[in-house]
Amino acid sequence: MAFRKFLPMFDRVLVERLAAETMSKGGIMLPEKAQGKVLQATVVAVGPGSTNQKGKLTPMSVKVGETVLLPEYGGTKVDLEDKEYFLFRDADILGKYVE
C-alpha cells in the first residue's frame, strides 16, 4: 500500500480518483475522448489538520475511505508505486457522499 508510506502534511488530503466509465447505460463502449473527467475520488490518507491563529488544531472534514467530490481543476498529481494519486487541500474538496 503506497499511501501507508506517505502521510500528507497539515490540511492536505491524498485521494485516488475513481475509474472512468467505459460503457454507456445502453451498453455502448465509450472512446476515451467521450469519457468525462472523473470528479469523484476515494480518500486514502489525510493530514493532521491545520492550526488556527490561536495555535489550536482544526480537524479535517474528511476521513480515510470516504468518497468525495473534487473540483474540475486543481490538485497536485503524485505517483506512488506506479499508481496515480492527487493531493488537495481540505478546503478545496467540494463535498462528500454519505450513505
C-alpha atoms as a PDB file:
ATOM      1  CA  MET A   1       0.000   0.000   0.000  1.00  0.00           C
ATOM      2  CA  ALA A   2       1.666   3.181  -1.205  1.00  0.00           C
ATOM      3  CA  PHE A   3      -0.347   5.564   0.965  1.00  0.00           C
ATOM      4  CA  ARG A   4       0.899   3.916   4.162  1.00  0.00           C
ATOM      5  CA  LYS A   5       4.350   5.242   3.292  1.00  0.00           C
ATOM      6  CA  PHE A   6       3.057   8.726   2.511  1.00  0.00           C
ATOM      7  CA  LEU A   7       1.380  10.978   5.064  1.00  0.00           C
ATOM      8  CA  PRO A   8       0.066  14.357   3.838  1.00  0.00           C
ATOM      9  CA  MET A   9       1.093  17.400   5.855  1.00  0.00           C
ATOM     10  CA  PHE A  10      -1.205  19.930   7.522  1.00  0.00           C
ATOM     11  CA  ASP A  11      -4.632  20.149   5.820  1.00  0.00           C
ATOM     12  CA  ARG A  12      -3.781  18.074   2.738  1.00  0.00           C
ATOM     13  CA  VAL A  13      -5.841  15.100   1.557  1.00  0.00           C
ATOM     14  CA  LEU A  14      -4.478  12.302  -0.652  1.00  0.00           C
ATOM     15  CA  VAL A  15      -7.144  10.864  -2.967  1.00  0.00           C
ATOM     16  CA  GLU A  16      -7.387   8.229  -5.667  1.00  0.00           C
ATOM     17  CA  ARG A  17      -9.772   9.128  -8.497  1.00  0.00           C
ATOM     18  CA  LEU A  18     -12.431   6.587  -9.383  1.00  0.00           C
ATOM     19  CA  ALA A  19     -12.169   4.886 -12.785  1.00  0.00           C
ATOM     20  CA  ALA A  20     -13.958   6.491 -15.715  1.00  0.00           C
ATOM     21  CA  GLU A  21     -17.000   4.714 -17.088  1.00  0.00           C
ATOM     22  CA  THR A  22     -16.133   2.915 -20.320  1.00  0.00           C
ATOM     23  CA  MET A  23     -19.698   1.897 -21.228  1.00  0.00           C
ATOM     24  CA  SER A  24     -22.863   3.922 -21.573  1.00  0.00           C
ATOM     25  CA  LYS A  25     -26.072   2.904 -19.815  1.00  0.00           C
ATOM     26  CA  GLY A  26     -27.214   1.378 -23.108  1.00  0.00           C
ATOM     27  CA  GLY A  27     -24.099  -0.825 -23.319  1.00  0.00           C
ATOM     28  CA  ILE A  28     -22.176   1.177 -25.927  1.00  0.00           C
ATOM     29  CA  MET A  29     -18.395   1.321 -25.490  1.00  0.00           C
ATOM     30  CA  LEU A  30     -17.225   4.918 -24.979  1.00  0.00           C
ATOM     31  CA  PRO A  31     -13.966   6.153 -26.532  1.00  0.00           C
ATOM     32  CA  GLU A  32     -11.537   7.997 -24.243  1.00  0.00           C
ATOM     33  CA  LYS A  33     -12.443  11.393 -25.696  1.00  0.00           C
ATOM     34  CA  ALA A  34     -16.124  10.861 -24.877  1.00  0.00           C
ATOM     35  CA  GLN A  35     -15.422   9.857 -21.269  1.00  0.00           C
ATOM     36  CA  GLY A  36     -15.910  12.736 -18.883  1.00  0.00           C
ATOM     37  CA  LYS A  37     -13.314  13.763 -16.340  1.00  0.00           C
ATOM     38  CA  VAL A  38     -13.867  11.809 -13.136  1.00  0.00           C
ATOM     39  CA  LEU A  39     -14.605  14.173 -10.279  1.00  0.00           C
ATOM     40  CA  GLN A  40     -15.201  11.506  -7.652  1.00  0.00           C
ATOM     41  CA  ALA A  41     -12.382  10.053  -5.582  1.00  0.00           C
ATOM     42  CA  THR A  42     -11.715   7.916  -2.539  1.00  0.00           C
ATOM     43  CA  VAL A  43      -9.722   9.411   0.339  1.00  0.00           C
ATOM     44  CA  VAL A  44      -6.658   7.264   1.039  1.00  0.00           C
ATOM     45  CA  ALA A  45      -4.778   9.461   3.554  1.00  0.00           C
ATOM     46  CA  VAL A  46      -5.318  12.727   5.435  1.00  0.00           C
ATOM     47  CA  GLY A  47      -3.014  15.082   7.260  1.00  0.00           C
ATOM     48  CA  PRO A  48      -3.485  16.011  10.924  1.00  0.00           C
ATOM     49  CA  GLY A  49      -5.211  19.334  10.107  1.00  0.00           C
ATOM     50  CA  SER A  50      -4.175  22.971  10.128  1.00  0.00           C
ATOM     51  CA  THR A  51      -3.609  25.272  13.072  1.00  0.00           C
ATOM     52  CA  ASN A  52      -5.573  28.481  13.503  1.00  0.00           C
ATOM     53  CA  GLN A  53      -4.198  31.819  14.701  1.00  0.00           C
ATOM     54  CA  LYS A  54      -4.537  30.765  18.333  1.00  0.00           C
ATOM     55  CA  GLY A  55      -2.492  27.618  17.706  1.00  0.00           C
ATOM     56  CA  LYS A  56      -5.390  25.178  18.027  1.00  0.00           C
ATOM     57  CA  LEU A  57      -5.642  22.290  15.596  1.00  0.00           C
ATOM     58  CA  THR A  58      -8.556  22.498  13.152  1.00  0.00           C
ATOM     59  CA  PRO A  59      -9.737  18.929  12.469  1.00  0.00           C
ATOM     60  CA  MET A  60     -10.105  17.558   8.950  1.00  0.00           C
ATOM     61  CA  SER A  61     -13.593  17.350   7.434  1.00  0.00           C
ATOM     62  CA  VAL A  62     -12.977  14.032   5.632  1.00  0.00           C
ATOM     63  CA  LYS A  63     -11.753  10.624   6.762  1.00  0.00           C
ATOM     64  CA  VAL A  64      -9.905   7.783   5.061  1.00  0.00           C
ATOM     65  CA  GLY A  65     -12.246   5.647   2.961  1.00  0.00           C
ATOM     66  CA  GLU A  66     -14.847   8.326   2.230  1.00  0.00           C
ATOM     67  CA  THR A  67     -15.893   9.159  -1.330  1.00  0.00           C
ATOM     68  CA  VAL A  68     -15.569  12.865  -2.134  1.00  0.00           C
ATOM     69  CA  LEU A  69     -16.408  15.266  -4.956  1.00  0.00           C
ATOM     70  CA  LEU A  70     -13.412  17.116  -6.388  1.00  0.00           C
ATOM     71  CA  PRO A  71     -13.179  20.381  -8.300  1.00  0.00           C
ATOM     72  CA  GLU A  72     -12.697  20.040 -12.058  1.00  0.00           C
ATOM     73  CA  TYR A  73      -9.262  21.672 -11.910  1.00  0.00           C
ATOM     74  CA  GLY A  74      -6.580  21.725  -9.247  1.00  0.00           C
ATOM     75  CA  GLY A  75      -4.795  19.259  -7.066  1.00  0.00           C
ATOM     76  CA  THR A  76      -1.239  18.018  -7.310  1.00  0.00           C
ATOM     77  CA  LYS A  77      -0.554  14.753  -9.112  1.00  0.00           C
ATOM     78  CA  VAL A  78       1.549  12.296  -7.090  1.00  0.00           C
ATOM     79  CA  ASP A  79       2.837   8.958  -8.434  1.00  0.00           C
ATOM     80  CA  LEU A  80       3.444   6.377  -5.710  1.00  0.00           C
ATOM     81  CA  GLU A  81       4.460   2.824  -6.644  1.00  0.00           C
ATOM     82  CA  ASP A  82       3.070   3.084 -10.203  1.00  0.00           C
ATOM     83  CA  LYS A  83      -0.325   4.409  -9.041  1.00  0.00           C
ATOM     84  CA  GLU A  84      -1.650   7.904  -9.599  1.00  0.00           C
ATOM     85  CA  TYR A  85      -2.919   9.914  -6.627  1.00  0.00           C
ATOM     86  CA  PHE A  86      -3.824  13.569  -6.146  1.00  0.00           C
ATOM     87  CA  LEU A  87      -3.237  15.944  -3.234  1.00  0.00           C
ATOM     88  CA  PHE A  88      -5.898  18.536  -2.407  1.00  0.00           C
ATOM     89  CA  ARG A  89      -6.354  20.934   0.484  1.00  0.00           C
ATOM     90  CA  ASP A  90      -9.220  20.033   2.772  1.00  0.00           C
ATOM     91  CA  ALA A  91     -10.986  23.297   1.861  1.00  0.00           C
ATOM     92  CA  ASP A  92     -10.736  22.525  -1.885  1.00  0.00           C
ATOM     93  CA  ILE A  93     -12.878  19.386  -1.617  1.00  0.00           C
ATOM     94  CA  LEU A  94     -16.413  20.274  -2.701  1.00  0.00           C
ATOM     95  CA  GLY A  95     -18.305  17.654  -0.728  1.00  0.00           C
ATOM     96  CA  LYS A  96     -18.512  14.056   0.394  1.00  0.00           C
ATOM     97  CA  TYR A  97     -21.024  11.325  -0.340  1.00  0.00           C
ATOM     98  CA  VAL A  98     -22.974   9.878   2.576  1.00  0.00           C
ATOM     99  CA  GLU A  99     -24.934   6.648   2.594  1.00  0.00           C
END
